[in-house]
Amino acid sequence: MNVKRLSLVTGALALWAGAGIAGPSGVIQFHGSIVEPSCHAAAPSGSTLELKGCPQALRGSQLAVQPVRTVTALGTAQVNVKLVADRSDGRYYDQRYVLVDTLGKPIQSGAYVVTLTAP
C-alpha cells in the first residue's frame, strides 16, 4: 500500500510542477506600430542631396522640390530632382540626387525645400 501512496503522491507532484512551468494561456495583444528608422539626409554640396541608410520599404518614394520664396528670388524657374547614384545593401539603400533646372544642369544658387513622400 505504501508503494501505491508513493506513486500517487509522486504523480500529483509531477502534475503540479508541470502546470507551474507551462504558464497561463490567453491572448496576446499588440497595440501601436513598428517603426523603422528613416533615412539620414545630407547635403554635402550646393545642389546634391544624399539619402543614406534608408529602409527598403521607402524605395519608390517621391521627391518634390519647391523654391523658398524671398523678395530677391521671385523667379519661377522649375527645379527637378535627378537620381545620380543608387546603392543597395541588404535591408537598406543609399541614393544621391542632384537638383537640376529645366535644361538638366545642376542648380547653382537658391534655397529649396525638398519633400520626401514615402509609399
N, C-alpha and C. Protein backbone atom coordinates (compact mmCIF):
# COMPACT_ATOMS: atom_id res chain seq x y z
N MET A 1 0.80 -1.18 0.00
CA MET A 1 0.00 0.00 0.00
C MET A 1 0.85 1.26 0.00
N ASN A 2 2.02 1.21 0.63
CA ASN A 2 2.91 2.36 0.63
C ASN A 2 3.42 2.68 -0.77
N VAL A 3 3.58 1.66 -1.60
CA VAL A 3 4.03 1.87 -2.97
C VAL A 3 2.96 2.62 -3.76
N LYS A 4 1.69 2.26 -3.54
CA LYS A 4 0.60 2.96 -4.24
C LYS A 4 0.51 4.42 -3.79
N ARG A 5 0.67 4.65 -2.49
CA ARG A 5 0.63 6.03 -1.99
C ARG A 5 1.80 6.84 -2.53
N LEU A 6 2.98 6.25 -2.54
CA LEU A 6 4.16 6.94 -3.06
C LEU A 6 3.98 7.26 -4.54
N SER A 7 3.41 6.33 -5.30
CA SER A 7 3.15 6.58 -6.72
C SER A 7 2.13 7.70 -6.90
N LEU A 8 1.10 7.69 -6.08
CA LEU A 8 0.06 8.72 -6.17
C LEU A 8 0.61 10.10 -5.82
N VAL A 9 1.40 10.19 -4.76
CA VAL A 9 1.99 11.47 -4.35
C VAL A 9 2.99 11.96 -5.40
N THR A 10 3.80 11.06 -5.94
CA THR A 10 4.78 11.44 -6.98
C THR A 10 4.06 11.94 -8.23
N GLY A 11 2.99 11.28 -8.64
CA GLY A 11 2.21 11.71 -9.80
C GLY A 11 1.58 13.07 -9.59
N ALA A 12 1.04 13.30 -8.39
CA ALA A 12 0.43 14.60 -8.09
C ALA A 12 1.46 15.71 -8.11
N LEU A 13 2.64 15.45 -7.55
CA LEU A 13 3.71 16.45 -7.58
C LEU A 13 4.17 16.74 -9.01
N ALA A 14 4.24 15.72 -9.85
CA ALA A 14 4.65 15.91 -11.24
C ALA A 14 3.64 16.77 -11.99
N LEU A 15 2.35 16.52 -11.78
CA LEU A 15 1.31 17.33 -12.43
C LEU A 15 1.35 18.77 -11.94
N TRP A 16 1.53 18.95 -10.64
CA TRP A 16 1.57 20.30 -10.08
C TRP A 16 2.77 21.08 -10.62
N ALA A 17 3.95 20.45 -10.70
CA ALA A 17 5.15 21.11 -11.21
C ALA A 17 5.01 21.42 -12.70
N GLY A 18 4.41 20.52 -13.47
CA GLY A 18 4.22 20.74 -14.91
C GLY A 18 3.30 21.90 -15.19
N ALA A 19 2.26 22.04 -14.40
CA ALA A 19 1.32 23.15 -14.59
C ALA A 19 1.99 24.49 -14.29
N GLY A 20 2.90 24.50 -13.33
CA GLY A 20 3.60 25.75 -12.99
C GLY A 20 4.58 26.16 -14.06
N ILE A 21 5.18 25.20 -14.75
CA ILE A 21 6.16 25.51 -15.80
C ILE A 21 5.47 26.00 -17.07
N ALA A 22 4.31 25.46 -17.39
CA ALA A 22 3.64 25.76 -18.65
C ALA A 22 3.21 27.22 -18.76
N GLY A 23 2.89 27.87 -17.68
CA GLY A 23 2.45 29.26 -17.74
C GLY A 23 1.00 29.36 -18.13
N PRO A 24 0.41 30.52 -17.93
CA PRO A 24 -1.01 30.68 -18.22
C PRO A 24 -1.25 30.80 -19.73
N SER A 25 -2.42 30.38 -20.15
CA SER A 25 -2.80 30.53 -21.55
C SER A 25 -3.64 31.79 -21.68
N GLY A 26 -3.74 32.31 -22.89
CA GLY A 26 -4.52 33.51 -23.08
C GLY A 26 -4.29 34.10 -24.45
N VAL A 27 -4.60 35.36 -24.58
CA VAL A 27 -4.49 36.07 -25.84
C VAL A 27 -3.40 37.13 -25.70
N ILE A 28 -2.54 37.19 -26.71
CA ILE A 28 -1.51 38.23 -26.74
C ILE A 28 -2.06 39.38 -27.57
N GLN A 29 -2.02 40.58 -27.03
CA GLN A 29 -2.49 41.75 -27.76
C GLN A 29 -1.33 42.69 -28.01
N PHE A 30 -1.33 43.31 -29.19
CA PHE A 30 -0.29 44.26 -29.56
C PHE A 30 -0.96 45.57 -29.93
N HIS A 31 -0.53 46.64 -29.31
CA HIS A 31 -1.06 47.98 -29.62
C HIS A 31 0.11 48.86 -30.03
N GLY A 32 -0.07 49.64 -31.08
CA GLY A 32 0.99 50.53 -31.53
C GLY A 32 1.41 50.18 -32.94
N SER A 33 2.62 50.53 -33.26
CA SER A 33 3.14 50.24 -34.60
C SER A 33 4.64 49.97 -34.51
N ILE A 34 5.11 49.26 -35.51
CA ILE A 34 6.54 49.00 -35.61
C ILE A 34 7.10 50.08 -36.53
N VAL A 35 8.01 50.86 -36.01
CA VAL A 35 8.55 51.98 -36.77
C VAL A 35 10.02 51.71 -37.05
N GLU A 36 10.35 51.75 -38.32
CA GLU A 36 11.74 51.57 -38.72
C GLU A 36 12.36 52.96 -38.86
N PRO A 37 13.62 53.10 -38.52
CA PRO A 37 14.23 54.42 -38.64
C PRO A 37 14.19 54.92 -40.08
N SER A 38 14.08 56.22 -40.24
CA SER A 38 14.03 56.78 -41.59
C SER A 38 15.43 57.00 -42.13
N CYS A 39 15.51 57.63 -43.27
CA CYS A 39 16.79 57.89 -43.93
C CYS A 39 17.56 58.99 -43.21
N HIS A 40 18.87 58.95 -43.38
CA HIS A 40 19.72 60.04 -42.93
C HIS A 40 19.96 60.93 -44.15
N ALA A 41 19.52 62.17 -44.08
CA ALA A 41 19.66 63.09 -45.21
C ALA A 41 20.85 64.01 -44.99
N ALA A 42 21.56 64.30 -46.08
CA ALA A 42 22.70 65.21 -46.03
C ALA A 42 22.77 65.97 -47.34
N ALA A 43 23.34 67.16 -47.28
CA ALA A 43 23.56 67.98 -48.48
C ALA A 43 25.03 68.36 -48.51
N PRO A 44 25.90 67.47 -49.03
CA PRO A 44 27.34 67.72 -48.99
C PRO A 44 27.81 68.88 -49.86
N SER A 45 27.07 69.17 -50.92
CA SER A 45 27.42 70.33 -51.75
C SER A 45 26.14 71.06 -52.12
N GLY A 46 26.28 72.17 -52.80
CA GLY A 46 25.15 73.05 -53.07
C GLY A 46 23.92 72.40 -53.66
N SER A 47 24.07 71.57 -54.69
CA SER A 47 22.90 71.03 -55.36
C SER A 47 22.73 69.53 -55.16
N THR A 48 23.53 68.92 -54.28
CA THR A 48 23.48 67.47 -54.07
C THR A 48 22.72 67.14 -52.79
N LEU A 49 21.88 66.12 -52.87
CA LEU A 49 21.14 65.62 -51.72
C LEU A 49 21.42 64.13 -51.60
N GLU A 50 21.87 63.68 -50.42
CA GLU A 50 22.14 62.27 -50.19
C GLU A 50 21.16 61.72 -49.16
N LEU A 51 20.65 60.53 -49.44
CA LEU A 51 19.81 59.79 -48.50
C LEU A 51 20.55 58.50 -48.19
N LYS A 52 20.93 58.30 -46.93
CA LYS A 52 21.71 57.12 -46.55
C LYS A 52 20.97 56.29 -45.52
N GLY A 53 21.15 54.98 -45.61
CA GLY A 53 20.56 54.06 -44.64
C GLY A 53 19.05 53.99 -44.69
N CYS A 54 18.47 54.16 -45.87
CA CYS A 54 17.02 54.12 -46.00
C CYS A 54 16.52 52.68 -46.00
N PRO A 55 15.44 52.37 -45.27
CA PRO A 55 14.87 51.03 -45.33
C PRO A 55 14.28 50.76 -46.71
N GLN A 56 14.33 49.51 -47.16
CA GLN A 56 13.82 49.15 -48.49
C GLN A 56 12.35 49.51 -48.65
N ALA A 57 11.60 49.59 -47.56
CA ALA A 57 10.18 49.95 -47.65
C ALA A 57 9.98 51.36 -48.22
N LEU A 58 11.00 52.21 -48.14
CA LEU A 58 10.88 53.57 -48.66
C LEU A 58 11.26 53.68 -50.13
N ARG A 59 11.71 52.59 -50.75
CA ARG A 59 12.05 52.64 -52.18
C ARG A 59 10.82 53.03 -52.97
N GLY A 60 10.98 53.85 -53.95
CA GLY A 60 9.85 54.31 -54.74
C GLY A 60 9.23 55.57 -54.17
N SER A 61 9.87 56.17 -53.19
CA SER A 61 9.36 57.41 -52.62
C SER A 61 9.43 58.53 -53.65
N GLN A 62 8.56 59.48 -53.51
CA GLN A 62 8.51 60.63 -54.41
C GLN A 62 9.21 61.82 -53.77
N LEU A 63 10.05 62.50 -54.54
CA LEU A 63 10.72 63.71 -54.07
C LEU A 63 10.12 64.91 -54.79
N ALA A 64 9.82 65.94 -54.04
CA ALA A 64 9.31 67.19 -54.61
C ALA A 64 10.20 68.33 -54.14
N VAL A 65 10.46 69.28 -55.03
CA VAL A 65 11.33 70.42 -54.70
C VAL A 65 10.55 71.70 -54.94
N GLN A 66 10.56 72.57 -53.94
CA GLN A 66 9.92 73.88 -54.05
C GLN A 66 10.92 74.94 -53.65
N PRO A 67 11.05 76.00 -54.45
CA PRO A 67 11.96 77.08 -54.05
C PRO A 67 11.38 77.85 -52.87
N VAL A 68 12.26 78.32 -52.01
CA VAL A 68 11.84 79.17 -50.90
C VAL A 68 11.65 80.57 -51.47
N ARG A 69 10.47 81.12 -51.31
CA ARG A 69 10.16 82.43 -51.88
C ARG A 69 10.72 83.55 -51.01
N THR A 70 11.55 84.39 -51.61
CA THR A 70 12.07 85.57 -50.92
C THR A 70 11.87 86.77 -51.83
N VAL A 71 12.12 87.93 -51.30
CA VAL A 71 11.97 89.15 -52.09
C VAL A 71 12.99 89.18 -53.23
N THR A 72 14.20 88.69 -52.98
CA THR A 72 15.24 88.75 -54.01
C THR A 72 15.18 87.59 -54.98
N ALA A 73 14.43 86.53 -54.66
CA ALA A 73 14.37 85.37 -55.55
C ALA A 73 12.93 85.04 -55.88
N LEU A 74 12.34 85.83 -56.75
CA LEU A 74 10.95 85.63 -57.12
C LEU A 74 10.81 84.90 -58.45
N GLY A 75 11.89 84.34 -58.95
CA GLY A 75 11.84 83.61 -60.22
C GLY A 75 10.93 82.41 -60.13
N THR A 76 10.41 81.99 -61.28
CA THR A 76 9.50 80.85 -61.32
C THR A 76 10.14 79.66 -62.02
N ALA A 77 11.47 79.61 -62.07
CA ALA A 77 12.15 78.51 -62.73
C ALA A 77 11.84 77.20 -62.01
N GLN A 78 11.52 76.17 -62.80
CA GLN A 78 11.19 74.88 -62.23
C GLN A 78 12.47 74.12 -61.87
N VAL A 79 12.43 73.43 -60.74
CA VAL A 79 13.57 72.64 -60.28
C VAL A 79 13.14 71.18 -60.22
N ASN A 80 14.00 70.30 -60.74
CA ASN A 80 13.73 68.87 -60.72
C ASN A 80 14.80 68.15 -59.91
N VAL A 81 14.54 66.90 -59.60
CA VAL A 81 15.48 66.07 -58.87
C VAL A 81 15.94 64.96 -59.80
N LYS A 82 17.27 64.80 -59.92
CA LYS A 82 17.83 63.78 -60.80
C LYS A 82 18.61 62.77 -59.95
N LEU A 83 18.28 61.48 -60.08
CA LEU A 83 18.98 60.42 -59.36
C LEU A 83 20.32 60.17 -60.05
N VAL A 84 21.42 60.29 -59.31
CA VAL A 84 22.75 60.09 -59.91
C VAL A 84 23.48 58.88 -59.33
N ALA A 85 23.05 58.35 -58.19
CA ALA A 85 23.68 57.16 -57.60
C ALA A 85 22.65 56.41 -56.78
N ASP A 86 22.70 55.08 -56.88
CA ASP A 86 21.77 54.23 -56.15
C ASP A 86 22.51 52.96 -55.74
N ARG A 87 22.62 52.72 -54.44
CA ARG A 87 23.35 51.55 -53.94
C ARG A 87 22.49 50.84 -52.91
N SER A 88 22.32 49.53 -53.07
CA SER A 88 21.52 48.74 -52.15
C SER A 88 22.44 47.84 -51.33
N ASP A 89 22.12 47.73 -50.03
CA ASP A 89 22.91 46.90 -49.13
C ASP A 89 21.97 46.12 -48.22
N GLY A 90 21.42 45.03 -48.73
CA GLY A 90 20.51 44.22 -47.93
C GLY A 90 19.20 44.93 -47.64
N ARG A 91 18.95 45.20 -46.37
CA ARG A 91 17.69 45.83 -45.97
C ARG A 91 17.67 47.33 -46.19
N TYR A 92 18.81 47.93 -46.50
CA TYR A 92 18.90 49.38 -46.61
C TYR A 92 19.49 49.79 -47.95
N TYR A 93 19.28 51.05 -48.30
CA TYR A 93 19.85 51.57 -49.54
C TYR A 93 20.29 53.01 -49.36
N ASP A 94 21.19 53.44 -50.24
CA ASP A 94 21.67 54.82 -50.28
C ASP A 94 21.38 55.38 -51.66
N GLN A 95 21.00 56.65 -51.73
CA GLN A 95 20.77 57.32 -53.01
C GLN A 95 21.35 58.72 -52.96
N ARG A 96 21.78 59.18 -54.13
CA ARG A 96 22.28 60.55 -54.25
C ARG A 96 21.52 61.22 -55.40
N TYR A 97 21.03 62.41 -55.12
CA TYR A 97 20.27 63.19 -56.09
C TYR A 97 20.97 64.52 -56.32
N VAL A 98 20.69 65.11 -57.48
CA VAL A 98 21.17 66.46 -57.80
C VAL A 98 19.96 67.29 -58.21
N LEU A 99 19.88 68.50 -57.67
CA LEU A 99 18.82 69.43 -58.08
C LEU A 99 19.23 70.03 -59.41
N VAL A 100 18.36 69.92 -60.42
CA VAL A 100 18.67 70.41 -61.76
C VAL A 100 17.58 71.35 -62.24
N ASP A 101 17.96 72.22 -63.19
CA ASP A 101 16.99 73.12 -63.79
C ASP A 101 16.29 72.41 -64.95
N THR A 102 15.49 73.15 -65.70
CA THR A 102 14.72 72.54 -66.80
C THR A 102 15.62 72.03 -67.92
N LEU A 103 16.85 72.53 -68.02
CA LEU A 103 17.79 72.05 -69.03
C LEU A 103 18.62 70.86 -68.55
N GLY A 104 18.44 70.45 -67.29
CA GLY A 104 19.18 69.33 -66.74
C GLY A 104 20.51 69.70 -66.14
N LYS A 105 20.77 71.00 -65.98
CA LYS A 105 22.03 71.46 -65.39
C LYS A 105 21.86 71.65 -63.89
N PRO A 106 22.90 71.33 -63.10
CA PRO A 106 22.80 71.48 -61.64
C PRO A 106 22.49 72.93 -61.24
N ILE A 107 21.65 73.08 -60.24
CA ILE A 107 21.30 74.39 -59.69
C ILE A 107 22.53 74.96 -58.99
N GLN A 108 22.81 76.22 -59.23
CA GLN A 108 23.99 76.86 -58.65
C GLN A 108 23.68 77.77 -57.47
N SER A 109 22.42 78.21 -57.35
CA SER A 109 22.08 79.12 -56.25
C SER A 109 20.61 78.96 -55.89
N GLY A 110 20.26 79.52 -54.75
CA GLY A 110 18.87 79.49 -54.31
C GLY A 110 18.69 78.63 -53.06
N ALA A 111 17.52 78.74 -52.48
CA ALA A 111 17.16 77.95 -51.30
C ALA A 111 15.92 77.14 -51.65
N TYR A 112 15.93 75.86 -51.32
CA TYR A 112 14.85 74.96 -51.73
C TYR A 112 14.42 74.07 -50.58
N VAL A 113 13.15 73.70 -50.59
CA VAL A 113 12.61 72.74 -49.65
C VAL A 113 12.37 71.45 -50.43
N VAL A 114 12.99 70.36 -49.98
CA VAL A 114 12.82 69.06 -50.63
C VAL A 114 11.94 68.20 -49.73
N THR A 115 10.86 67.67 -50.30
CA THR A 115 9.92 66.85 -49.55
C THR A 115 9.96 65.42 -50.06
N LEU A 116 10.15 64.47 -49.15
CA LEU A 116 10.16 63.05 -49.48
C LEU A 116 8.84 62.45 -49.03
N THR A 117 8.06 61.92 -49.98
CA THR A 117 6.79 61.29 -49.66
C THR A 117 6.94 59.79 -49.83
N ALA A 118 6.82 59.05 -48.73
CA ALA A 118 7.01 57.60 -48.74
C ALA A 118 5.71 56.90 -49.11
N PRO A 119 5.84 55.72 -49.74
CA PRO A 119 4.63 54.96 -50.12
C PRO A 119 3.89 54.42 -48.92
